[in-house]
PDB file of N, CA and C in Angstrom:
ATOM      1  N   MET A   1      44.139 118.264  89.705  1.00  0.00           N
ATOM      2  CA  MET A   1      45.129 118.250  90.776  1.00  0.00           C
ATOM      3  C   MET A   1      45.785 119.632  90.836  1.00  0.00           C
ATOM      4  N   THR A   2      45.887 120.169  92.038  1.00  0.00           N
ATOM      5  CA  THR A   2      46.493 121.488  92.200  1.00  0.00           C
ATOM      6  C   THR A   2      48.010 121.392  92.088  1.00  0.00           C
ATOM      7  N   THR A   3      48.612 122.529  91.871  1.00  0.00           N
ATOM      8  CA  THR A   3      50.074 122.578  91.787  1.00  0.00           C
ATOM      9  C   THR A   3      50.700 122.151  93.106  1.00  0.00           C
ATOM     10  N   GLU A   4      50.118 122.584  94.212  1.00  0.00           N
ATOM     11  CA  GLU A   4      50.668 122.219  95.525  1.00  0.00           C
ATOM     12  C   GLU A   4      50.541 120.719  95.766  1.00  0.00           C
ATOM     13  N   THR A   5      49.438 120.130  95.355  1.00  0.00           N
ATOM     14  CA  THR A   5      49.267 118.683  95.492  1.00  0.00           C
ATOM     15  C   THR A   5      50.305 117.940  94.665  1.00  0.00           C
ATOM     16  N   ALA A   6      50.560 118.414  93.452  1.00  0.00           N
ATOM     17  CA  ALA A   6      51.571 117.783  92.602  1.00  0.00           C
ATOM     18  C   ALA A   6      52.957 117.898  93.228  1.00  0.00           C
ATOM     19  N   ARG A   7      53.244 119.046  93.841  1.00  0.00           N
ATOM     20  CA  ARG A   7      54.544 119.217  94.511  1.00  0.00           C
ATOM     21  C   ARG A   7      54.689 118.254  95.685  1.00  0.00           C
ATOM     22  N   LEU A   8      53.635 118.141  96.481  1.00  0.00           N
ATOM     23  CA  LEU A   8      53.677 117.215  97.614  1.00  0.00           C
ATOM     24  C   LEU A   8      53.818 115.779  97.142  1.00  0.00           C
ATOM     25  N   ASP A   9      53.123 115.417  96.077  1.00  0.00           N
ATOM     26  CA  ASP A   9      53.259 114.066  95.527  1.00  0.00           C
ATOM     27  C   ASP A   9      54.701 113.793  95.118  1.00  0.00           C
ATOM     28  N   ALA A  10      55.333 114.768  94.472  1.00  0.00           N
ATOM     29  CA  ALA A  10      56.728 114.595  94.044  1.00  0.00           C
ATOM     30  C   ALA A  10      57.660 114.466  95.246  1.00  0.00           C
ATOM     31  N   ILE A  11      57.422 115.257  96.277  1.00  0.00           N
ATOM     32  CA  ILE A  11      58.268 115.200  97.480  1.00  0.00           C
ATOM     33  C   ILE A  11      58.148 113.843  98.156  1.00  0.00           C
ATOM     34  N   PHE A  12      56.910 113.394  98.393  1.00  0.00           N
ATOM     35  CA  PHE A  12      56.738 112.123  99.092  1.00  0.00           C
ATOM     36  C   PHE A  12      57.180 110.944  98.242  1.00  0.00           C
ATOM     37  N   SER A  13      57.028 111.047  96.940  1.00  0.00           N
ATOM     38  CA  SER A  13      57.518 109.994  96.055  1.00  0.00           C
ATOM     39  C   SER A  13      59.049 109.915  96.133  1.00  0.00           C
ATOM     40  N   ALA A  14      59.696 111.077  96.146  1.00  0.00           N
ATOM     41  CA  ALA A  14      61.161 111.102  96.251  1.00  0.00           C
ATOM     42  C   ALA A  14      61.616 110.541  97.593  1.00  0.00           C
ATOM     43  N   LEU A  15      60.891 110.860  98.657  1.00  0.00           N
ATOM     44  CA  LEU A  15      61.269 110.391  99.986  1.00  0.00           C
ATOM     45  C   LEU A  15      60.979 108.910 100.203  1.00  0.00           C
ATOM     46  N   ALA A  16      60.203 108.313  99.331  1.00  0.00           N
ATOM     47  CA  ALA A  16      59.841 106.901  99.489  1.00  0.00           C
ATOM     48  C   ALA A  16      61.012 105.961  99.241  1.00  0.00           C
ATOM     49  N   ASP A  17      62.031 106.435  98.560  1.00  0.00           N
ATOM     50  CA  ASP A  17      63.166 105.575  98.206  1.00  0.00           C
ATOM     51  C   ASP A  17      64.281 105.688  99.242  1.00  0.00           C
ATOM     52  N   PRO A  18      64.749 104.556  99.785  1.00  0.00           N
ATOM     53  CA  PRO A  18      65.790 104.615 100.829  1.00  0.00           C
ATOM     54  C   PRO A  18      67.116 105.202 100.339  1.00  0.00           C
ATOM     55  N   THR A  19      67.464 104.995  99.082  1.00  0.00           N
ATOM     56  CA  THR A  19      68.709 105.573  98.562  1.00  0.00           C
ATOM     57  C   THR A  19      68.605 107.089  98.545  1.00  0.00           C
ATOM     58  N   ARG A  20      67.465 107.609  98.133  1.00  0.00           N
ATOM     59  CA  ARG A  20      67.295 109.064  98.099  1.00  0.00           C
ATOM     60  C   ARG A  20      67.282 109.650  99.506  1.00  0.00           C
ATOM     61  N   ARG A  21      66.682 108.931 100.461  1.00  0.00           N
ATOM     62  CA  ARG A  21      66.721 109.416 101.847  1.00  0.00           C
ATOM     63  C   ARG A  21      68.157 109.425 102.367  1.00  0.00           C
ATOM     64  N   ALA A  22      68.933 108.424 102.009  1.00  0.00           N
ATOM     65  CA  ALA A  22      70.342 108.379 102.427  1.00  0.00           C
ATOM     66  C   ALA A  22      71.121 109.539 101.808  1.00  0.00           C
ATOM     67  N   ILE A  23      70.828 109.854 100.563  1.00  0.00           N
ATOM     68  CA  ILE A  23      71.486 110.986  99.905  1.00  0.00           C
ATOM     69  C   ILE A  23      71.142 112.283 100.636  1.00  0.00           C
ATOM     70  N   LEU A  24      69.876 112.456 100.984  1.00  0.00           N
ATOM     71  CA  LEU A  24      69.480 113.665 101.720  1.00  0.00           C
ATOM     72  C   LEU A  24      70.203 113.749 103.061  1.00  0.00           C
ATOM     73  N   ALA A  25      70.351 112.623 103.734  1.00  0.00           N
ATOM     74  CA  ALA A  25      71.063 112.618 105.018  1.00  0.00           C
ATOM     75  C   ALA A  25      72.520 113.034 104.830  1.00  0.00           C
ATOM     76  N   MET A  26      73.131 112.579 103.745  1.00  0.00           N
ATOM     77  CA  MET A  26      74.513 112.974 103.468  1.00  0.00           C
ATOM     78  C   MET A  26      74.611 114.479 103.202  1.00  0.00           C
ATOM     79  N   LEU A  27      73.652 114.992 102.437  1.00  0.00           N
ATOM     80  CA  LEU A  27      73.672 116.412 102.097  1.00  0.00           C
ATOM     81  C   LEU A  27      73.305 117.297 103.278  1.00  0.00           C
ATOM     82  N   LEU A  28      72.721 116.701 104.289  1.00  0.00           N
ATOM     83  CA  LEU A  28      72.425 117.446 105.508  1.00  0.00           C
ATOM     84  C   LEU A  28      73.721 117.903 106.173  1.00  0.00           C
ATOM     85  N   GLU A  29      74.770 117.106 106.011  1.00  0.00           N
ATOM     86  CA  GLU A  29      76.076 117.427 106.597  1.00  0.00           C
ATOM     87  C   GLU A  29      76.781 118.553 105.855  1.00  0.00           C
ATOM     88  N   ASP A  30      76.736 118.512 104.511  1.00  0.00           N
ATOM     89  CA  ASP A  30      77.464 119.502 103.714  1.00  0.00           C
ATOM     90  C   ASP A  30      77.102 119.340 102.246  1.00  0.00           C
ATOM     91  N   ASP A  31      77.385 120.356 101.446  1.00  0.00           N
ATOM     92  CA  ASP A  31      77.255 120.248  99.994  1.00  0.00           C
ATOM     93  C   ASP A  31      78.262 119.213  99.509  1.00  0.00           C
ATOM     94  N   MET A  32      77.899 118.503  98.441  1.00  0.00           N
ATOM     95  CA  MET A  32      78.786 117.457  97.939  1.00  0.00           C
ATOM     96  C   MET A  32      78.787 117.432  96.415  1.00  0.00           C
ATOM     97  N   ALA A  33      79.924 117.045  95.854  1.00  0.00           N
ATOM     98  CA  ALA A  33      80.007 116.799  94.422  1.00  0.00           C
ATOM     99  C   ALA A  33      79.256 115.507  94.109  1.00  0.00           C
ATOM    100  N   VAL A  34      78.717 115.410  92.910  1.00  0.00           N
ATOM    101  CA  VAL A  34      77.956 114.228  92.517  1.00  0.00           C
ATOM    102  C   VAL A  34      78.784 112.957  92.707  1.00  0.00           C
ATOM    103  N   THR A  35      80.046 112.994  92.351  1.00  0.00           N
ATOM    104  CA  THR A  35      80.887 111.801  92.488  1.00  0.00           C
ATOM    105  C   THR A  35      81.059 111.397  93.952  1.00  0.00           C
ATOM    106  N   ASP A  36      81.100 112.380  94.848  1.00  0.00           N
ATOM    107  CA  ASP A  36      81.202 112.075  96.279  1.00  0.00           C
ATOM    108  C   ASP A  36      79.889 111.499  96.811  1.00  0.00           C
ATOM    109  N   VAL A  37      78.769 111.998  96.286  1.00  0.00           N
ATOM    110  CA  VAL A  37      77.468 111.445  96.673  1.00  0.00           C
ATOM    111  C   VAL A  37      77.400 109.982  96.263  1.00  0.00           C
ATOM    112  N   ALA A  38      77.887 109.669  95.079  1.00  0.00           N
ATOM    113  CA  ALA A  38      77.794 108.315  94.536  1.00  0.00           C
ATOM    114  C   ALA A  38      78.732 107.318  95.210  1.00  0.00           C
ATOM    115  N   ALA A  39      79.835 107.802  95.772  1.00  0.00           N
ATOM    116  CA  ALA A  39      80.888 106.914  96.286  1.00  0.00           C
ATOM    117  C   ALA A  39      80.411 105.815  97.234  1.00  0.00           C
ATOM    118  N   PRO A  40      79.571 106.082  98.227  1.00  0.00           N
ATOM    119  CA  PRO A  40      79.229 105.011  99.174  1.00  0.00           C
ATOM    120  C   PRO A  40      78.187 104.002  98.667  1.00  0.00           C
ATOM    121  N   PHE A  41      77.616 104.239  97.500  1.00  0.00           N
ATOM    122  CA  PHE A  41      76.535 103.367  97.025  1.00  0.00           C
ATOM    123  C   PHE A  41      77.045 102.332  96.029  1.00  0.00           C
ATOM    124  N   PRO A  42      76.516 101.117  96.118  1.00  0.00           N
ATOM    125  CA  PRO A  42      76.955 100.049  95.207  1.00  0.00           C
ATOM    126  C   PRO A  42      76.193 100.064  93.879  1.00  0.00           C
ATOM    127  N   VAL A  43      75.931 101.255  93.367  1.00  0.00           N
ATOM    128  CA  VAL A  43      75.247 101.390  92.075  1.00  0.00           C
ATOM    129  C   VAL A  43      76.053 102.331  91.202  1.00  0.00           C
ATOM    130  N   SER A  44      75.690 102.401  89.942  1.00  0.00           N
ATOM    131  CA  SER A  44      76.448 103.215  88.993  1.00  0.00           C
ATOM    132  C   SER A  44      76.238 104.711  89.239  1.00  0.00           C
ATOM    133  N   LEU A  45      77.153 105.485  88.702  1.00  0.00           N
ATOM    134  CA  LEU A  45      77.037 106.936  88.772  1.00  0.00           C
ATOM    135  C   LEU A  45      75.776 107.390  88.048  1.00  0.00           C
ATOM    136  N   ALA A  46      75.427 106.705  86.956  1.00  0.00           N
ATOM    137  CA  ALA A  46      74.206 107.038  86.218  1.00  0.00           C
ATOM    138  C   ALA A  46      72.964 106.832  87.088  1.00  0.00           C
ATOM    139  N   ALA A  47      72.945 105.764  87.885  1.00  0.00           N
ATOM    140  CA  ALA A  47      71.805 105.504  88.771  1.00  0.00           C
ATOM    141  C   ALA A  47      71.692 106.591  89.835  1.00  0.00           C
ATOM    142  N   ILE A  48      72.823 107.000  90.395  1.00  0.00           N
ATOM    143  CA  ILE A  48      72.810 108.076  91.391  1.00  0.00           C
ATOM    144  C   ILE A  48      72.362 109.377  90.744  1.00  0.00           C
ATOM    145  N   SER A  49      72.797 109.622  89.529  1.00  0.00           N
ATOM    146  CA  SER A  49      72.367 110.830  88.814  1.00  0.00           C
ATOM    147  C   SER A  49      70.855 110.860  88.637  1.00  0.00           C
ATOM    148  N   LYS A  50      70.260 109.704  88.385  1.00  0.00           N
ATOM    149  CA  LYS A  50      68.795 109.635  88.263  1.00  0.00           C
ATOM    150  C   LYS A  50      68.131 109.932  89.607  1.00  0.00           C
ATOM    151  N   HIS A  51      68.689 109.395  90.689  1.00  0.00           N
ATOM    152  CA  HIS A  51      68.155 109.694  92.020  1.00  0.00           C
ATOM    153  C   HIS A  51      68.257 111.199  92.300  1.00  0.00           C
ATOM    154  N   LEU A  52      69.384 111.786  91.952  1.00  0.00           N
ATOM    155  CA  LEU A  52      69.565 113.219  92.167  1.00  0.00           C
ATOM    156  C   LEU A  52      68.578 114.031  91.334  1.00  0.00           C
ATOM    157  N   ALA A  53      68.289 113.574  90.123  1.00  0.00           N
ATOM    158  CA  ALA A  53      67.317 114.271  89.275  1.00  0.00           C
ATOM    159  C   ALA A  53      65.919 114.231  89.905  1.00  0.00           C
ATOM    160  N   VAL A  54      65.568 113.103  90.507  1.00  0.00           N
ATOM    161  CA  VAL A  54      64.269 112.996  91.182  1.00  0.00           C
ATOM    162  C   VAL A  54      64.223 113.950  92.366  1.00  0.00           C
ATOM    163  N   LEU A  55      65.292 113.978  93.153  1.00  0.00           N
ATOM    164  CA  LEU A  55      65.347 114.879  94.315  1.00  0.00           C
ATOM    165  C   LEU A  55      65.279 116.344  93.878  1.00  0.00           C
ATOM    166  N   ALA A  56      65.982 116.671  92.800  1.00  0.00           N
ATOM    167  CA  ALA A  56      65.958 118.047  92.285  1.00  0.00           C
ATOM    168  C   ALA A  56      64.576 118.380  91.729  1.00  0.00           C
ATOM    169  N   GLY A  57      63.976 117.433  91.028  1.00  0.00           N
ATOM    170  CA  GLY A  57      62.643 117.655  90.476  1.00  0.00           C
ATOM    171  C   GLY A  57      61.595 117.872  91.549  1.00  0.00           C
ATOM    172  N   ALA A  58      61.797 117.249  92.698  1.00  0.00           N
ATOM    173  CA  ALA A  58      60.877 117.414  93.826  1.00  0.00           C
ATOM    174  C   ALA A  58      61.180 118.688  94.621  1.00  0.00           C
ATOM    175  N   GLY A  59      62.263 119.360  94.262  1.00  0.00           N
ATOM    176  CA  GLY A  59      62.626 120.589  94.968  1.00  0.00           C
ATOM    177  C   GLY A  59      63.331 120.350  96.282  1.00  0.00           C
ATOM    178  N   LEU A  60      63.853 119.142  96.491  1.00  0.00           N
ATOM    179  CA  LEU A  60      64.526 118.820  97.755  1.00  0.00           C
ATOM    180  C   LEU A  60      66.008 119.169  97.737  1.00  0.00           C
ATOM    181  N   ILE A  61      66.599 119.199  96.546  1.00  0.00           N
ATOM    182  CA  ILE A  61      68.003 119.593  96.414  1.00  0.00           C
ATOM    183  C   ILE A  61      68.137 120.553  95.235  1.00  0.00           C
ATOM    184  N   ARG A  62      69.274 121.222  95.205  1.00  0.00           N
ATOM    185  CA  ARG A  62      69.653 122.038  94.057  1.00  0.00           C
ATOM    186  C   ARG A  62      71.008 121.561  93.583  1.00  0.00           C
ATOM    187  N   GLN A  63      71.212 121.638  92.284  1.00  0.00           N
ATOM    188  CA  GLN A  63      72.503 121.275  91.714  1.00  0.00           C
ATOM    189  C   GLN A  63      73.087 122.504  91.039  1.00  0.00           C
ATOM    190  N   GLU A  64      74.397 122.649  91.179  1.00  0.00           N
ATOM    191  CA  GLU A  64      75.087 123.816  90.653  1.00  0.00           C
ATOM    192  C   GLU A  64      76.410 123.374  90.048  1.00  0.00           C
ATOM    193  N   ARG A  65      76.667 123.825  88.844  1.00  0.00           N
ATOM    194  CA  ARG A  65      77.939 123.501  88.196  1.00  0.00           C
ATOM    195  C   ARG A  65      78.984 124.531  88.620  1.00  0.00           C
ATOM    196  N   ARG A  66      80.091 124.014  89.125  1.00  0.00           N
ATOM    197  CA  ARG A  66      81.245 124.854  89.469  1.00  0.00           C
ATOM    198  C   ARG A  66      82.422 124.300  88.687  1.00  0.00           C
ATOM    199  N   GLY A  67      82.732 124.955  87.589  1.00  0.00           N
ATOM    200  CA  GLY A  67      83.768 124.424  86.696  1.00  0.00           C
ATOM    201  C   GLY A  67      83.267 123.144  86.055  1.00  0.00           C
ATOM    202  N   ARG A  68      84.015 122.075  86.212  1.00  0.00           N
ATOM    203  CA  ARG A  68      83.609 120.786  85.635  1.00  0.00           C
ATOM    204  C   ARG A  68      82.841 119.924  86.626  1.00  0.00           C
ATOM    205  N   ILE A  69      82.663 120.394  87.828  1.00  0.00           N
ATOM    206  CA  ILE A  69      82.050 119.585  88.883  1.00  0.00           C
ATOM    207  C   ILE A  69      80.635 120.081  89.179  1.00  0.00           C
ATOM    208  N   ILE A  70      79.721 119.128  89.320  1.00  0.00           N
ATOM    209  CA  ILE A  70      78.355 119.458  89.703  1.00  0.00           C
ATOM    210  C   ILE A  70      78.217 119.222  91.202  1.00  0.00           C
ATOM    211  N   TRP A  71      77.803 120.262  91.914  1.00  0.00           N
ATOM    212  CA  TRP A  71      77.637 120.204  93.357  1.00  0.00           C
ATOM    213  C   TRP A  71      76.167 120.081  93.695  1.00  0.00           C
ATOM    214  N   CYS A  72      75.877 119.361  94.756  1.00  0.00           N
ATOM    215  CA  CYS A  72      74.501 119.175  95.226  1.00  0.00           C
ATOM    216  C   CYS A  72      74.392 119.768  96.616  1.00  0.00           C
ATOM    217  N   LYS A  73      73.251 120.401  96.869  1.00  0.00           N
ATOM    218  CA  LYS A  73      73.006 120.943  98.206  1.00  0.00           C
ATOM    219  C   LYS A  73      71.521 120.827  98.503  1.00  0.00           C
ATOM    220  N   LEU A  74      71.212 120.699  99.779  1.00  0.00           N
ATOM    221  CA  LEU A  74      69.816 120.640 100.198  1.00  0.00           C
ATOM    222  C   LEU A  74      69.116 121.949  99.889  1.00  0.00           C
ATOM    223  N   ASP A  75      67.846 121.858  99.550  1.00  0.00           N
ATOM    224  CA  ASP A  75      67.003 123.039  99.411  1.00  0.00           C
ATOM    225  C   ASP A  75      65.982 122.973 100.535  1.00  0.00           C
ATOM    226  N   PRO A  76      66.178 123.744 101.603  1.00  0.00           N
ATOM    227  CA  PRO A  76      65.302 123.626 102.769  1.00  0.00           C
ATOM    228  C   PRO A  76      63.839 123.928 102.479  1.00  0.00           C
ATOM    229  N   ASP A  77      63.557 124.708 101.454  1.00  0.00           N
ATOM    230  CA  ASP A  77      62.158 125.019 101.137  1.00  0.00           C
ATOM    231  C   ASP A  77      61.398 123.781 100.677  1.00  0.00           C
ATOM    232  N   GLY A  78      62.075 122.832 100.069  1.00  0.00           N
ATOM    233  CA  GLY A  78      61.417 121.615  99.602  1.00  0.00           C
ATOM    234  C   GLY A  78      60.808 120.822 100.740  1.00  0.00           C
ATOM    235  N   LEU A  79      61.584 120.546 101.751  1.00  0.00           N
ATOM    236  CA  LEU A  79      61.065 119.799 102.894  1.00  0.00           C
ATOM    237  C   LEU A  79      60.105 120.632 103.729  1.00  0.00           C
ATOM    238  N   ARG A  80      60.258 121.943 103.675  1.00  0.00           N
ATOM    239  CA  ARG A  80      59.368 122.814 104.442  1.00  0.00           C
ATOM    240  C   ARG A  80      57.920 122.640 103.977  1.00  0.00           C
ATOM    241  N   ARG A  81      57.709 122.489 102.667  1.00  0.00           N
ATOM    242  CA  ARG A  81      56.352 122.286 102.143  1.00  0.00           C
ATOM    243  C   ARG A  81      55.717 121.035 102.757  1.00  0.00           C
ATOM    244  N   ALA A  82      56.487 119.955 102.756  1.00  0.00           N
ATOM    245  CA  ALA A  82      55.963 118.707 103.310  1.00  0.00           C
ATOM    246  C   ALA A  82      55.737 118.840 104.808  1.00  0.00           C
ATOM    247  N   SER A  83      56.641 119.519 105.482  1.00  0.00           N
ATOM    248  CA  SER A  83      56.519 119.688 106.922  1.00  0.00           C
ATOM    249  C   SER A  83      55.267 120.492 107.283  1.00  0.00           C
ATOM    250  N   VAL A  84      55.017 121.567 106.550  1.00  0.00           N
ATOM    251  CA  VAL A  84      53.831 122.389 106.810  1.00  0.00           C
ATOM    252  C   VAL A  84      52.570 121.555 106.602  1.00  0.00           C
ATOM    253  N   TRP A  85      52.566 120.748 105.551  1.00  0.00           N
ATOM    254  CA  TRP A  85      51.403 119.901 105.278  1.00  0.00           C
ATOM    255  C   TRP A  85      51.189 118.903 106.422  1.00  0.00           C
ATOM    256  N   MET A  86      52.277 118.273 106.881  1.00  0.00           N
ATOM    257  CA  MET A  86      52.165 117.277 107.948  1.00  0.00           C
ATOM    258  C   MET A  86      51.767 117.910 109.272  1.00  0.00           C
ATOM    259  N   GLN A  87      52.167 119.152 109.509  1.00  0.00           N
ATOM    260  CA  GLN A  87      51.815 119.819 110.765  1.00  0.00           C
ATOM    261  C   GLN A  87      50.311 120.017 110.888  1.00  0.00           C
ATOM    262  N   GLY A  88      49.620 119.987 109.760  1.00  0.00           N
ATOM    263  CA  GLY A  88      48.166 120.076 109.801  1.00  0.00           C
ATOM    264  C   GLY A  88      47.540 118.916 110.549  1.00  0.00           C
ATOM    265  N   PHE A  89      48.253 117.818 110.635  1.00  0.00           N
ATOM    266  CA  PHE A  89      47.762 116.662 111.365  1.00  0.00           C
ATOM    267  C   PHE A  89      48.188 116.692 112.822  1.00  0.00           C
ATOM    268  N   GLY A  90      48.974 117.684 113.206  1.00  0.00           N
ATOM    269  CA  GLY A  90      49.477 117.788 114.566  1.00  0.00           C
ATOM    270  C   GLY A  90      48.479 118.395 115.529  1.00  0.00           C
ATOM    271  N   GLN A  91      47.251 118.603 115.087  1.00  0.00           N
ATOM    272  CA  GLN A  91      46.249 119.207 115.960  1.00  0.00           C
ATOM    273  C   GLN A  91      45.755 118.246 117.031  1.00  0.00           C
ATOM    274  N   PHE A  92      46.136 116.991 116.914  1.00  0.00           N
ATOM    275  CA  PHE A  92      45.724 115.998 117.887  1.00  0.00           C
ATOM    276  C   PHE A  92      46.737 115.945 119.022  1.00  0.00           C
ATOM    277  N   ASP A  93      46.267 115.623 120.224  1.00  0.00           N
ATOM    278  CA  ASP A  93      47.172 115.508 121.356  1.00  0.00           C
ATOM    279  C   ASP A  93      48.117 114.332 121.134  1.00  0.00           C
ATOM    280  N   PRO A  94      49.394 114.507 121.466  1.00  0.00           N
ATOM    281  CA  PRO A  94      50.330 113.389 121.329  1.00  0.00           C
ATOM    282  C   PRO A  94      49.979 112.277 122.313  1.00  0.00           C
ATOM    283  N   VAL A  95      50.278 111.070 121.916  1.00  0.00           N
ATOM    284  CA  VAL A  95      50.012 109.917 122.778  1.00  0.00           C
ATOM    285  C   VAL A  95      51.137 109.816 123.799  1.00  0.00           C
ATOM    286  N   ASP A  96      50.768 109.695 125.074  1.00  0.00           N
ATOM    287  CA  ASP A  96      51.747 109.508 126.133  1.00  0.00           C
ATOM    288  C   ASP A  96      51.997 108.012 126.255  1.00  0.00           C
ATOM    289  N   LEU A  97      53.112 107.545 125.719  1.00  0.00           N
ATOM    290  CA  LEU A  97      53.385 106.110 125.685  1.00  0.00           C
ATOM    291  C   LEU A  97      53.596 105.532 127.077  1.00  0.00           C
ATOM    292  N   ASP A  98      54.076 106.331 128.023  1.00  0.00           N
ATOM    293  CA  ASP A  98      54.233 105.830 129.391  1.00  0.00           C
ATOM    294  C   ASP A  98      52.872 105.518 129.999  1.00  0.00           C
ATOM    295  N   ASP A  99      51.913 106.433 129.823  1.00  0.00           N
ATOM    296  CA  ASP A  99      50.558 106.180 130.319  1.00  0.00           C
ATOM    297  C   ASP A  99      49.947 104.962 129.638  1.00  0.00           C
ATOM    298  N   PHE A 100      50.185 104.839 128.353  1.00  0.00           N
ATOM    299  CA  PHE A 100      49.648 103.706 127.603  1.00  0.00           C
ATOM    300  C   PHE A 100      50.242 102.391 128.106  1.00  0.00           C
ATOM    301  N   GLU A 101      51.544 102.405 128.387  1.00  0.00           N
ATOM    302  CA  GLU A 101      52.210 101.213 128.910  1.00  0.00           C
ATOM    303  C   GLU A 101      51.635 100.821 130.275  1.00  0.00           C
ATOM    304  N   ARG A 102      51.407 101.825 131.138  1.00  0.00           N
ATOM    305  CA  ARG A 102      50.816 101.545 132.449  1.00  0.00           C
ATOM    306  C   ARG A 102      49.399 100.980 132.303  1.00  0.00           C
ATOM    307  N   PHE A 103      48.635 101.546 131.388  1.00  0.00           N
ATOM    308  CA  PHE A 103      47.281 101.063 131.138  1.00  0.00           C
ATOM    309  C   PHE A 103      47.304  99.595 130.695  1.00  0.00           C
ATOM    310  N   LEU A 104      48.179  99.274 129.755  1.00  0.00           N
ATOM    311  CA  LEU A 104      48.275  97.896 129.276  1.00  0.00           C
ATOM    312  C   LEU A 104      48.693  96.949 130.388  1.00  0.00           C
ATOM    313  N   ALA A 105      49.650  97.385 131.208  1.00  0.00           N
ATOM    314  CA  ALA A 105      50.115  96.540 132.310  1.00  0.00           C
ATOM    315  C   ALA A 105      48.969  96.245 133.271  1.00  0.00           C
ATOM    316  N   GLU A 106      48.175  97.256 133.570  1.00  0.00           N
ATOM    317  CA  GLU A 106      47.036  97.062 134.478  1.00  0.00           C
ATOM    318  C   GLU A 106      45.988  96.145 133.846  1.00  0.00           C
ATOM    319  N   GLU A 107      45.711  96.333 132.574  1.00  0.00           N
ATOM    320  CA  GLU A 107      44.707  95.528 131.879  1.00  0.00           C
ATOM    321  C   GLU A 107      45.139  94.066 131.770  1.00  0.00           C
ATOM    322  N   LEU A 108      46.440  93.856 131.609  1.00  0.00           N
ATOM    323  CA  LEU A 108      46.952  92.495 131.446  1.00  0.00           C
ATOM    324  C   LEU A 108      47.321  91.842 132.763  1.00  0.00           C
ATOM    325  N   GLY A 109      47.170  92.591 133.857  1.00  0.00           N
ATOM    326  CA  GLY A 109      47.462  92.032 135.179  1.00  0.00           C
ATOM    327  C   GLY A 109      48.932  91.968 135.494  1.00  0.00           C
ATOM    328  N   HIS A 110      49.770  92.749 134.823  1.00  0.00           N
ATOM    329  CA  HIS A 110      51.205  92.805 135.102  1.00  0.00           C
ATOM    330  C   HIS A 110      51.470  93.913 136.101  1.00  0.00           C
ATOM    331  N   PRO A 111      52.584  93.848 136.797  1.00  0.00           N
ATOM    332  CA  PRO A 111      52.919  94.947 137.726  1.00  0.00           C
ATOM    333  C   PRO A 111      53.072  96.246 136.933  1.00  0.00           C
ATOM    334  N   THR A 112      52.613  97.326 137.509  1.00  0.00           N
ATOM    335  CA  THR A 112      52.699  98.636 136.863  1.00  0.00           C
ATOM    336  C   THR A 112      54.126  99.153 136.959  1.00  0.00           C
ATOM    337  N   PRO A 113      54.729  99.501 135.788  1.00  0.00           N
ATOM    338  CA  PRO A 113      56.076 100.045 135.837  1.00  0.00           C
ATOM    339  C   PRO A 113      56.068 101.409 136.508  1.00  0.00           C
ATOM    340  N   ALA A 114      57.126 101.697 137.232  1.00  0.00           N
ATOM    341  CA  ALA A 114      57.250 102.978 137.933  1.00  0.00           C
ATOM    342  C   ALA A 114      57.516 104.090 136.911  1.00  0.00           C
ATOM    343  N   PRO A 115      56.891 105.258 137.095  1.00  0.00           N
ATOM    344  CA  PRO A 115      57.178 106.374 136.186  1.00  0.00           C
ATOM    345  C   PRO A 115      58.623 106.812 136.336  1.00  0.00           C
ATOM    346  N   GLU A 116      59.178 107.299 135.229  1.00  0.00           N
ATOM    347  CA  GLU A 116      60.594 107.735 135.236  1.00  0.00           C
ATOM    348  C   GLU A 116      60.735 109.131 135.706  1.00  0.00           C
TER     349      GLU A 116
END
């Protein structure tokens, strides 16, 4: 397994958990102290710390100690790796859902919806 493959595996594994995705969404707004990250979740601070360790290990966040407080911030390079990989699949034409809906309506004998 290549290093890049291992990095992508770690990123997608980290993103698979809804709590970690929620944490990333919170950090999208601003840097936060670990205790502030943990506040909205009904789990222990230790559990949130483990989630943060997974996110940091995947390169999605960085943690920095400022005095006695540990701050978390997004690391944009982490998601960039996954985004670049996914863009490789973007070579296909996007599906026009309006055309698809009209096609289905015609096939099923329903009135064709008017284009917007």
